[in-house]
């Protein structure tokens, strides 16, 4: 499977963290591609030969449990990963309503008015599909439409900068808010509690380092990322992937390129 990371347009950089494109001509029949919790909701266009029902243009909220995407044969995935504070501003829904859920947004505005799904399905090239996706997001962020919640923006960035390894009391103190107020803000704009968001960021940082070092020195990675010991990191693996580290490594190795 070919993977590309694409930098968002400058006009989208405040809302879209990064764009990932996955393309393959030879995926086995009904392979399942896992989306692991990383702290970023996403909008995904999917074109695949799977015989299972596939919504082609989907909004994924914050996910705690892994989401399995059915893919088969020739497959194209274009995923726009959104900053965690932008869900309500972009789509108008409480972020908590989208946690561990996906929504077909092809019939919501402005996607329906722009016929985004139909145009994406009929576009002859990746470049044209990216242009269509960019135009859709530019319509979402049209001037005067968005109201970014600045305290949540500050809080999520602070938690991410520390890879989740900081006290939520510190976040409350920086914002001069109570624990309950911080919880309500995260429910509305992020979709998970501040503590859960921190756990996701902590796990994502550890997972990236383990991937870089070939899944060696589990105890050292656990210590570096604020886990009490190796067993706590393994427990986080089970929580967020449903697998042990060795099972996850094998699944990643076995996934067709």
Foldseek 3Di string as FASTA:
>chain_A
DDKDKADADPVCVQWFVIKMKDWDQAFAAFDWDKDFFQLWWKWKAKDAPHPDDDQGTKTAAGEQAIDIDTHGGTMMMMIGTTHLQCVCQQPVFFSQVRYNHMDRCCCPPPNVVVVLNVCLVPDPDPVVNVVSVSVRSCVSCPPPRGDGDVLVVVLLVVLLVLLLQDDVVVSCVVVVHDQVVQQVSCRRRRNDGSNVSSLSSLLNVLVVVCVVVVNPPLQVSCVVSNHPGSVRSQVSCCRGHVDGPVVVSVVVVPRDD
